[in-house]
Amino acid sequence: MQLDQALSVTQIFGYLAFAMGVSSFLQKSDQRFKIFMAAECVSYVIHFWLLGNYTAVASSAVSVGRSVAAIRTRSIWVALFFVALSLGFGIWLATSWLSFLPIIASCVGTLSLFLLHGVRMRCFMLIGTCLWLLNNILSGSIGGTMLEATVLATNLLTIRRLQLEQIRKAADLR
């Protein structure tokens, strides 16, 4: 890839998603995590639209809504609404089985954000991260690939930090 392509408007939105995504997984607060996640998804919508990956656009757009909704509620019905919305867009827009990578990642992320919290939420999000990583590699998304690779490492680090915090709290209670 040439320098002008790596610095194109398309890739710049991928880099912005990268910055927001890494910031989200550095958060120990679930609320702040979801706010940064919503900002990442907005950047992803524009980035994947410019790349022409419309299932990733739909998935990211649904993810914006679900991240904001997950700040306010943990309702299983709201989660199922967003899963159904993701699946509907996937069926409508898919052109191959690879088109379902971001859709499945969105469904996993939705269930994680609404039904889980703390370490469990972040562990389940690792599945979605791996699916997004594969999607981004196949889509030619530089920022997206950097994002998911870094999110994988950052999320593992934050999981460890949260586990150590739980161990310390348990030791203090003794």
C-alpha atoms as a PDB file:
ATOM      1  CA  MET A   1       0.000   0.000   0.000  1.00  0.00           C
ATOM      2  CA  GLN A   2       1.289   3.424  -0.909  1.00  0.00           C
ATOM      3  CA  LEU A   3       1.665   6.309   1.527  1.00  0.00           C
ATOM      4  CA  ASP A   4      -1.179   8.321  -0.040  1.00  0.00           C
ATOM      5  CA  GLN A   5      -3.532   5.357   0.446  1.00  0.00           C
ATOM      6  CA  ALA A   6      -2.388   4.867   4.047  1.00  0.00           C
ATOM      7  CA  LEU A   7      -3.128   8.554   4.729  1.00  0.00           C
ATOM      8  CA  SER A   8      -6.431   8.698   2.828  1.00  0.00           C
ATOM      9  CA  VAL A   9      -9.612  10.040   4.416  1.00  0.00           C
ATOM     10  CA  THR A  10     -10.899   6.463   4.489  1.00  0.00           C
ATOM     11  CA  GLN A  11      -7.963   5.211   6.544  1.00  0.00           C
ATOM     12  CA  ILE A  12      -7.963   8.316   8.791  1.00  0.00           C
ATOM     13  CA  PHE A  13     -11.447   7.339  10.031  1.00  0.00           C
ATOM     14  CA  GLY A  14     -10.024   3.877  10.713  1.00  0.00           C
ATOM     15  CA  TYR A  15      -7.236   5.459  12.759  1.00  0.00           C
ATOM     16  CA  LEU A  16      -9.812   7.509  14.684  1.00  0.00           C
ATOM     17  CA  ALA A  17     -11.728   4.293  15.430  1.00  0.00           C
ATOM     18  CA  PHE A  18      -8.405   2.837  16.572  1.00  0.00           C
ATOM     19  CA  ALA A  19      -7.873   5.661  19.096  1.00  0.00           C
ATOM     20  CA  MET A  20     -11.433   5.443  20.468  1.00  0.00           C
ATOM     21  CA  GLY A  21     -11.383   1.635  20.621  1.00  0.00           C
ATOM     22  CA  VAL A  22      -8.123   1.443  22.518  1.00  0.00           C
ATOM     23  CA  SER A  23      -9.386   4.150  24.869  1.00  0.00           C
ATOM     24  CA  SER A  24     -12.555   2.154  25.526  1.00  0.00           C
ATOM     25  CA  PHE A  25     -10.744  -1.022  26.509  1.00  0.00           C
ATOM     26  CA  LEU A  26      -8.452   0.916  28.854  1.00  0.00           C
ATOM     27  CA  GLN A  27     -11.461   1.917  30.938  1.00  0.00           C
ATOM     28  CA  LYS A  28     -12.119   0.044  34.157  1.00  0.00           C
ATOM     29  CA  SER A  29     -15.529   1.717  34.401  1.00  0.00           C
ATOM     30  CA  ASP A  30     -18.183  -0.122  32.356  1.00  0.00           C
ATOM     31  CA  GLN A  31     -19.999   3.200  31.743  1.00  0.00           C
ATOM     32  CA  ARG A  32     -16.934   4.948  30.292  1.00  0.00           C
ATOM     33  CA  PHE A  33     -16.137   1.777  28.319  1.00  0.00           C
ATOM     34  CA  LYS A  34     -19.540   2.004  26.596  1.00  0.00           C
ATOM     35  CA  ILE A  35     -19.186   5.740  25.843  1.00  0.00           C
ATOM     36  CA  PHE A  36     -15.815   5.275  24.151  1.00  0.00           C
ATOM     37  CA  MET A  37     -17.176   2.182  22.366  1.00  0.00           C
ATOM     38  CA  ALA A  38     -19.993   4.297  20.877  1.00  0.00           C
ATOM     39  CA  ALA A  39     -17.444   6.849  19.600  1.00  0.00           C
ATOM     40  CA  GLU A  40     -15.384   4.049  18.046  1.00  0.00           C
ATOM     41  CA  CYS A  41     -18.463   2.720  16.259  1.00  0.00           C
ATOM     42  CA  VAL A  42     -19.315   6.137  14.769  1.00  0.00           C
ATOM     43  CA  SER A  43     -15.817   6.304  13.275  1.00  0.00           C
ATOM     44  CA  TYR A  44     -16.190   2.729  12.006  1.00  0.00           C
ATOM     45  CA  VAL A  45     -19.485   3.585  10.254  1.00  0.00           C
ATOM     46  CA  ILE A  46     -17.778   6.251   8.162  1.00  0.00           C
ATOM     47  CA  HIS A  47     -14.613   4.188   7.632  1.00  0.00           C
ATOM     48  CA  PHE A  48     -16.392   1.064   6.384  1.00  0.00           C
ATOM     49  CA  TRP A  49     -18.801   3.089   4.265  1.00  0.00           C
ATOM     50  CA  LEU A  50     -15.797   4.611   2.492  1.00  0.00           C
ATOM     51  CA  LEU A  51     -14.327   1.099   2.096  1.00  0.00           C
ATOM     52  CA  GLY A  52     -17.603  -0.204   0.658  1.00  0.00           C
ATOM     53  CA  ASN A  53     -18.064  -2.881   3.359  1.00  0.00           C
ATOM     54  CA  TYR A  54     -21.778  -2.375   3.955  1.00  0.00           C
ATOM     55  CA  THR A  55     -22.364  -5.182   6.440  1.00  0.00           C
ATOM     56  CA  ALA A  56     -19.623  -3.623   8.576  1.00  0.00           C
ATOM     57  CA  VAL A  57     -21.369  -0.236   8.185  1.00  0.00           C
ATOM     58  CA  ALA A  58     -24.677  -1.740   9.318  1.00  0.00           C
ATOM     59  CA  SER A  59     -23.018  -3.614  12.155  1.00  0.00           C
ATOM     60  CA  SER A  60     -21.197  -0.505  13.346  1.00  0.00           C
ATOM     61  CA  ALA A  61     -24.334   1.633  13.084  1.00  0.00           C
ATOM     62  CA  VAL A  62     -26.299  -0.861  15.174  1.00  0.00           C
ATOM     63  CA  SER A  63     -23.362  -0.954  17.600  1.00  0.00           C
ATOM     64  CA  VAL A  64     -23.574   2.814  18.112  1.00  0.00           C
ATOM     65  CA  GLY A  65     -27.193   2.478  19.176  1.00  0.00           C
ATOM     66  CA  ARG A  66     -26.618  -0.562  21.334  1.00  0.00           C
ATOM     67  CA  SER A  67     -23.612   1.000  23.103  1.00  0.00           C
ATOM     68  CA  VAL A  68     -25.664   4.086  23.983  1.00  0.00           C
ATOM     69  CA  ALA A  69     -28.687   1.976  25.008  1.00  0.00           C
ATOM     70  CA  ALA A  70     -26.466  -0.281  27.140  1.00  0.00           C
ATOM     71  CA  ILE A  71     -25.458   2.760  29.203  1.00  0.00           C
ATOM     72  CA  ARG A  72     -29.096   3.221  30.248  1.00  0.00           C
ATOM     73  CA  THR A  73     -30.458  -0.334  30.473  1.00  0.00           C
ATOM     74  CA  ARG A  74     -29.468  -3.956  30.856  1.00  0.00           C
ATOM     75  CA  SER A  75     -32.780  -5.267  29.506  1.00  0.00           C
ATOM     76  CA  ILE A  76     -32.579  -8.605  27.734  1.00  0.00           C
ATOM     77  CA  TRP A  77     -35.404  -7.403  25.451  1.00  0.00           C
ATOM     78  CA  VAL A  78     -33.394  -4.412  24.304  1.00  0.00           C
ATOM     79  CA  ALA A  79     -30.393  -6.712  23.761  1.00  0.00           C
ATOM     80  CA  LEU A  80     -32.513  -9.092  21.692  1.00  0.00           C
ATOM     81  CA  PHE A  81     -33.852  -6.157  19.654  1.00  0.00           C
ATOM     82  CA  PHE A  82     -30.291  -5.151  18.715  1.00  0.00           C
ATOM     83  CA  VAL A  83     -29.319  -8.774  17.962  1.00  0.00           C
ATOM     84  CA  ALA A  84     -32.380  -9.107  15.689  1.00  0.00           C
ATOM     85  CA  LEU A  85     -31.544  -5.790  14.021  1.00  0.00           C
ATOM     86  CA  SER A  86     -27.962  -6.937  13.382  1.00  0.00           C
ATOM     87  CA  LEU A  87     -29.091 -10.269  11.984  1.00  0.00           C
ATOM     88  CA  GLY A  88     -31.699  -8.563   9.796  1.00  0.00           C
ATOM     89  CA  PHE A  89     -29.112  -6.231   8.302  1.00  0.00           C
ATOM     90  CA  GLY A  90     -26.745  -9.163   7.835  1.00  0.00           C
ATOM     91  CA  ILE A  91     -29.291 -11.218   5.917  1.00  0.00           C
ATOM     92  CA  TRP A  92     -30.259  -8.195   3.835  1.00  0.00           C
ATOM     93  CA  LEU A  93     -26.715  -6.995   2.994  1.00  0.00           C
ATOM     94  CA  ALA A  94     -24.546 -10.131   3.054  1.00  0.00           C
ATOM     95  CA  THR A  95     -22.822 -11.050  -0.174  1.00  0.00           C
ATOM     96  CA  SER A  96     -20.817 -13.997   1.180  1.00  0.00           C
ATOM     97  CA  TRP A  97     -20.205 -15.835   4.430  1.00  0.00           C
ATOM     98  CA  LEU A  98     -17.396 -13.343   5.177  1.00  0.00           C
ATOM     99  CA  SER A  99     -20.009 -10.582   5.270  1.00  0.00           C
ATOM    100  CA  PHE A 100     -21.334 -12.140   8.455  1.00  0.00           C
ATOM    101  CA  LEU A 101     -18.097 -11.605  10.424  1.00  0.00           C
ATOM    102  CA  PRO A 102     -19.023  -8.082  11.594  1.00  0.00           C
ATOM    103  CA  ILE A 103     -22.640  -9.106  12.098  1.00  0.00           C
ATOM    104  CA  ILE A 104     -21.737 -12.005  14.392  1.00  0.00           C
ATOM    105  CA  ALA A 105     -19.218  -9.761  16.175  1.00  0.00           C
ATOM    106  CA  SER A 106     -21.978  -7.196  16.715  1.00  0.00           C
ATOM    107  CA  CYS A 107     -24.331  -9.837  18.137  1.00  0.00           C
ATOM    108  CA  VAL A 108     -21.632 -11.089  20.528  1.00  0.00           C
ATOM    109  CA  GLY A 109     -20.840  -7.518  21.575  1.00  0.00           C
ATOM    110  CA  THR A 110     -24.505  -6.746  22.117  1.00  0.00           C
ATOM    111  CA  LEU A 111     -25.068  -9.721  24.373  1.00  0.00           C
ATOM    112  CA  SER A 112     -21.854  -8.863  26.245  1.00  0.00           C
ATOM    113  CA  LEU A 113     -22.762  -5.225  26.860  1.00  0.00           C
ATOM    114  CA  PHE A 114     -26.312  -5.914  28.014  1.00  0.00           C
ATOM    115  CA  LEU A 115     -26.060  -9.163  29.907  1.00  0.00           C
ATOM    116  CA  LEU A 116     -22.546  -9.189  31.354  1.00  0.00           C
ATOM    117  CA  HIS A 117     -20.277  -6.840  33.270  1.00  0.00           C
ATOM    118  CA  GLY A 118     -16.672  -6.513  34.391  1.00  0.00           C
ATOM    119  CA  VAL A 119     -14.295  -9.351  33.534  1.00  0.00           C
ATOM    120  CA  ARG A 120     -16.996 -11.574  32.024  1.00  0.00           C
ATOM    121  CA  MET A 121     -18.104  -8.832  29.638  1.00  0.00           C
ATOM    122  CA  ARG A 122     -14.558  -8.197  28.496  1.00  0.00           C
ATOM    123  CA  CYS A 123     -13.812 -11.927  28.074  1.00  0.00           C
ATOM    124  CA  PHE A 124     -16.859 -12.367  25.863  1.00  0.00           C
ATOM    125  CA  MET A 125     -15.881  -9.245  23.890  1.00  0.00           C
ATOM    126  CA  LEU A 126     -12.642 -11.038  22.950  1.00  0.00           C
ATOM    127  CA  ILE A 127     -14.664 -13.265  20.598  1.00  0.00           C
ATOM    128  CA  GLY A 128     -16.051 -10.223  18.809  1.00  0.00           C
ATOM    129  CA  THR A 129     -12.580  -8.706  18.665  1.00  0.00           C
ATOM    130  CA  CYS A 130     -11.231 -11.767  16.845  1.00  0.00           C
ATOM    131  CA  LEU A 131     -14.091 -11.652  14.326  1.00  0.00           C
ATOM    132  CA  TRP A 132     -13.553  -7.941  13.705  1.00  0.00           C
ATOM    133  CA  LEU A 133      -9.812  -8.526  13.317  1.00  0.00           C
ATOM    134  CA  LEU A 134     -10.414 -11.064  10.562  1.00  0.00           C
ATOM    135  CA  ASN A 135     -12.992  -8.789   8.889  1.00  0.00           C
ATOM    136  CA  ASN A 136     -10.606  -5.828   8.965  1.00  0.00           C
ATOM    137  CA  ILE A 137      -7.702  -7.775   7.521  1.00  0.00           C
ATOM    138  CA  LEU A 138      -9.902  -9.015   4.679  1.00  0.00           C
ATOM    139  CA  SER A 139     -11.376  -5.497   4.110  1.00  0.00           C
ATOM    140  CA  GLY A 140      -7.985  -3.783   3.844  1.00  0.00           C
ATOM    141  CA  SER A 141      -8.635  -1.619   6.913  1.00  0.00           C
ATOM    142  CA  ILE A 142      -5.282  -0.506   8.290  1.00  0.00           C
ATOM    143  CA  GLY A 143      -6.668   1.366  11.304  1.00  0.00           C
ATOM    144  CA  GLY A 144      -9.257  -1.333  11.933  1.00  0.00           C
ATOM    145  CA  THR A 145      -6.650  -4.085  11.889  1.00  0.00           C
ATOM    146  CA  MET A 146      -4.407  -2.071  14.205  1.00  0.00           C
ATOM    147  CA  LEU A 147      -7.419  -1.394  16.413  1.00  0.00           C
ATOM    148  CA  GLU A 148      -8.530  -4.984  16.858  1.00  0.00           C
ATOM    149  CA  ALA A 149      -4.983  -6.279  17.366  1.00  0.00           C
ATOM    150  CA  THR A 150      -4.385  -3.603  19.995  1.00  0.00           C
ATOM    151  CA  VAL A 151      -7.832  -4.088  21.554  1.00  0.00           C
ATOM    152  CA  LEU A 152      -7.040  -7.780  21.906  1.00  0.00           C
ATOM    153  CA  ALA A 153      -3.879  -6.963  23.878  1.00  0.00           C
ATOM    154  CA  THR A 154      -5.429  -4.021  25.771  1.00  0.00           C
ATOM    155  CA  ASN A 155      -8.512  -5.982  26.731  1.00  0.00           C
ATOM    156  CA  LEU A 156      -6.366  -8.849  28.029  1.00  0.00           C
ATOM    157  CA  LEU A 157      -4.361  -6.327  30.076  1.00  0.00           C
ATOM    158  CA  THR A 158      -7.509  -4.727  31.513  1.00  0.00           C
ATOM    159  CA  ILE A 159      -8.979  -8.145  32.326  1.00  0.00           C
ATOM    160  CA  ARG A 160      -5.815  -8.916  34.275  1.00  0.00           C
ATOM    161  CA  ARG A 161      -5.967  -5.538  36.070  1.00  0.00           C
ATOM    162  CA  LEU A 162      -9.588  -6.184  37.049  1.00  0.00           C
ATOM    163  CA  GLN A 163      -8.741  -9.692  38.261  1.00  0.00           C
ATOM    164  CA  LEU A 164      -5.875  -8.373  40.382  1.00  0.00           C
ATOM    165  CA  GLU A 165      -8.200  -5.727  41.818  1.00  0.00           C
ATOM    166  CA  GLN A 166     -10.713  -8.454  42.741  1.00  0.00           C
ATOM    167  CA  ILE A 167      -7.943 -10.490  44.397  1.00  0.00           C
ATOM    168  CA  ARG A 168      -6.803  -7.439  46.385  1.00  0.00           C
ATOM    169  CA  LYS A 169     -10.349  -6.682  47.532  1.00  0.00           C
ATOM    170  CA  ALA A 170     -10.885 -10.289  48.568  1.00  0.00           C
ATOM    171  CA  ALA A 171      -7.599 -10.240  50.522  1.00  0.00           C
ATOM    172  CA  ASP A 172      -8.613  -6.979  52.252  1.00  0.00           C
ATOM    173  CA  LEU A 173     -11.876  -8.580  53.400  1.00  0.00           C
ATOM    174  CA  ARG A 174     -10.057 -11.378  55.202  1.00  0.00           C
END
